[in-house]
Amino acid sequence: MVSIKADLPESTAMSYQEARYAASFVTTLLTSLIYAQRVQALYADGYFSGADGSALTGQAILILTGAIVVAGILGQIILAIVRAIFGADLESREDERDRQIEMRAMNLAFTLLGLGFLGSMILLALGRESFLVFHLITYAMVLAGLGADLYRIWLHRRGF
């Protein structure tokens, strides 16, 4: 059997955990950008205005949530296949350091989400429309996830 294993120096090769976080980051970012572009066009066309605007906003956000989950699952499957083809290690050994990294990343995510939620509530109190408020909360969730993924990668690379 021929091995196609990449000969990268140990310091530049991504661990399986880092690759998982990177795949999560990429799939979430791409899905969210596609969603934002599509929703912006629909909003400009007046799709979310009227009596059923809030219901349509909720439906759009649920579609985004489902799309992020499906894209994330597909991204992880593709990552596992690619790493298996190239002979990379697929084992994920979790130790105390990984639990600490996860805890720090979750603290960052909750902080970002909390700030986004607070900003959204301020806008709601100032009379802004529900479309904007719900989307700001949604984007705060997305930003929290993206920030946590990047922070996890950084902590792993730093050797926390």
Protein backbone atom coordinates (compact mmCIF):
# COMPACT_ATOMS: atom_id res chain seq x y z
CA MET A 1 0.00 0.00 0.00
CA VAL A 2 1.34 3.42 -0.96
CA SER A 3 1.32 6.14 1.67
CA ILE A 4 0.57 9.70 0.58
CA LYS A 5 1.23 11.13 4.03
CA ALA A 6 2.26 14.77 3.86
CA ASP A 7 5.80 15.46 5.08
CA LEU A 8 5.14 18.63 7.02
CA PRO A 9 7.29 19.66 9.93
CA GLU A 10 5.61 18.75 13.20
CA SER A 11 5.24 22.43 14.15
CA THR A 12 3.19 23.31 11.05
CA ALA A 13 1.03 20.20 10.76
CA MET A 14 -2.41 20.64 12.26
CA SER A 15 -3.56 18.19 14.87
CA TYR A 16 -6.89 16.52 14.28
CA GLN A 17 -8.49 18.77 16.89
CA GLU A 18 -7.12 21.92 15.24
CA ALA A 19 -8.32 20.68 11.85
CA ARG A 20 -11.78 20.02 13.29
CA TYR A 21 -11.95 23.57 14.65
CA ALA A 22 -10.73 24.97 11.32
CA ALA A 23 -13.35 22.96 9.41
CA SER A 24 -16.03 24.20 11.80
CA PHE A 25 -14.85 27.79 11.31
CA VAL A 26 -14.85 27.53 7.50
CA THR A 27 -18.25 25.85 7.21
CA THR A 28 -19.89 28.27 9.66
CA LEU A 29 -18.33 31.30 7.98
CA LEU A 30 -19.26 30.25 4.45
CA THR A 31 -22.81 29.27 5.39
CA SER A 32 -23.33 32.53 7.28
CA LEU A 33 -21.92 34.68 4.47
CA ILE A 34 -24.16 32.99 1.89
CA TYR A 35 -27.13 33.46 4.22
CA ALA A 36 -26.31 37.13 4.88
CA GLN A 37 -26.00 37.86 1.17
CA ARG A 38 -29.30 36.12 0.38
CA VAL A 39 -31.20 37.71 3.29
CA GLN A 40 -29.88 41.15 2.41
CA ALA A 41 -31.30 40.78 -1.11
CA LEU A 42 -34.64 39.55 0.24
CA TYR A 43 -34.76 42.40 2.75
CA ALA A 44 -34.08 44.94 -0.01
CA ASP A 45 -37.01 43.45 -1.96
CA GLY A 46 -39.32 43.91 1.05
CA TYR A 47 -39.70 40.19 1.76
CA PHE A 48 -39.60 40.65 5.53
CA SER A 49 -41.98 43.60 5.76
CA GLY A 50 -45.66 43.36 6.48
CA ALA A 51 -47.75 41.50 9.00
CA ASP A 52 -45.92 38.19 8.55
CA GLY A 53 -42.42 39.75 8.59
CA SER A 54 -41.54 38.38 12.03
CA ALA A 55 -42.65 34.87 11.09
CA LEU A 56 -40.58 35.02 7.88
CA THR A 57 -37.60 36.28 9.88
CA GLY A 58 -37.94 33.33 12.26
CA GLN A 59 -38.19 30.90 9.36
CA ALA A 60 -35.09 32.38 7.73
CA ILE A 61 -33.09 32.10 10.96
CA LEU A 62 -34.22 28.49 11.45
CA ILE A 63 -33.05 27.71 7.92
CA LEU A 64 -29.67 29.28 8.72
CA THR A 65 -29.40 27.20 11.89
CA GLY A 66 -30.18 24.00 10.01
CA ALA A 67 -27.79 24.91 7.20
CA ILE A 68 -24.95 25.54 9.68
CA VAL A 69 -25.56 22.18 11.35
CA VAL A 70 -25.68 20.27 8.04
CA ALA A 71 -22.64 22.10 6.65
CA GLY A 72 -20.75 21.43 9.88
CA ILE A 73 -21.52 17.70 9.76
CA LEU A 74 -20.53 17.49 6.08
CA GLY A 75 -17.36 19.47 6.78
CA GLN A 76 -16.34 17.05 9.55
CA ILE A 77 -17.05 14.03 7.33
CA ILE A 78 -15.01 15.50 4.47
CA LEU A 79 -12.19 16.35 6.89
CA ALA A 80 -12.09 12.77 8.23
CA ILE A 81 -12.05 11.34 4.69
CA VAL A 82 -9.27 13.67 3.52
CA ARG A 83 -7.16 13.02 6.61
CA ALA A 84 -7.66 9.26 6.22
CA ILE A 85 -6.61 9.42 2.55
CA PHE A 86 -3.42 11.27 3.46
CA GLY A 87 -2.69 8.94 6.37
CA ALA A 88 -3.12 11.53 9.09
CA ASP A 89 -4.04 10.55 12.63
CA LEU A 90 -7.80 10.62 13.25
CA GLU A 91 -7.65 9.91 16.95
CA SER A 92 -8.79 12.65 19.21
CA ARG A 93 -7.17 12.25 22.60
CA GLU A 94 -8.65 14.65 25.10
CA ASP A 95 -6.62 15.58 28.14
CA GLU A 96 -6.75 18.26 30.83
CA ARG A 97 -5.20 20.83 28.46
CA ASP A 98 -7.99 20.24 25.93
CA ARG A 99 -10.62 20.67 28.62
CA GLN A 100 -8.99 23.95 29.69
CA ILE A 101 -8.88 25.16 26.08
CA GLU A 102 -12.54 24.26 25.66
CA MET A 103 -13.46 26.10 28.86
CA ARG A 104 -11.59 29.24 27.80
CA ALA A 105 -13.16 29.14 24.33
CA MET A 106 -16.64 28.76 25.82
CA ASN A 107 -16.01 31.73 28.12
CA LEU A 108 -15.09 33.82 25.07
CA ALA A 109 -18.14 32.58 23.17
CA PHE A 110 -20.51 33.39 26.04
CA THR A 111 -18.97 36.85 26.39
CA LEU A 112 -19.40 37.60 22.69
CA LEU A 113 -22.94 36.25 22.70
CA GLY A 114 -23.82 38.23 25.81
CA LEU A 115 -22.49 41.46 24.33
CA GLY A 116 -24.39 40.83 21.09
CA PHE A 117 -27.57 40.10 22.99
CA LEU A 118 -27.18 43.20 25.13
CA GLY A 119 -26.60 45.35 22.04
CA SER A 120 -29.66 43.84 20.39
CA MET A 121 -31.82 44.57 23.42
CA ILE A 122 -30.61 48.16 23.46
CA LEU A 123 -31.63 48.51 19.82
CA LEU A 124 -35.00 46.93 20.56
CA ALA A 125 -35.52 49.38 23.44
CA LEU A 126 -34.72 52.21 21.03
CA GLY A 127 -37.52 51.03 18.75
CA ARG A 128 -35.62 49.21 16.02
CA GLU A 129 -37.49 46.56 14.05
CA SER A 130 -37.52 42.93 15.11
CA PHE A 131 -35.82 41.81 11.87
CA LEU A 132 -32.68 43.69 12.85
CA VAL A 133 -32.78 42.62 16.50
CA PHE A 134 -33.23 38.90 15.75
CA HIS A 135 -30.53 38.95 13.12
CA LEU A 136 -28.10 40.72 15.42
CA ILE A 137 -28.70 38.03 18.04
CA THR A 138 -28.19 35.36 15.38
CA TYR A 139 -24.99 36.97 14.11
CA ALA A 140 -23.78 37.28 17.71
CA MET A 141 -24.21 33.50 18.00
CA VAL A 142 -22.33 32.97 14.75
CA LEU A 143 -19.57 35.37 15.81
CA ALA A 144 -19.33 33.61 19.18
CA GLY A 145 -18.86 30.26 17.44
CA LEU A 146 -16.31 31.64 14.98
CA GLY A 147 -14.41 33.40 17.74
CA ALA A 148 -14.36 30.26 19.88
CA ASP A 149 -13.04 28.17 16.97
CA LEU A 150 -10.25 30.65 16.23
CA TYR A 151 -9.39 30.93 19.92
CA ARG A 152 -9.21 27.14 20.26
CA ILE A 153 -6.84 26.92 17.29
CA TRP A 154 -4.70 29.74 18.69
CA LEU A 155 -4.52 28.13 22.12
CA HIS A 156 -3.55 24.77 20.59
CA ARG A 157 -0.90 26.43 18.41
CA ARG A 158 0.43 28.44 21.33
CA GLY A 159 0.84 25.24 23.26
CA PHE A 160 -1.38 26.25 26.15
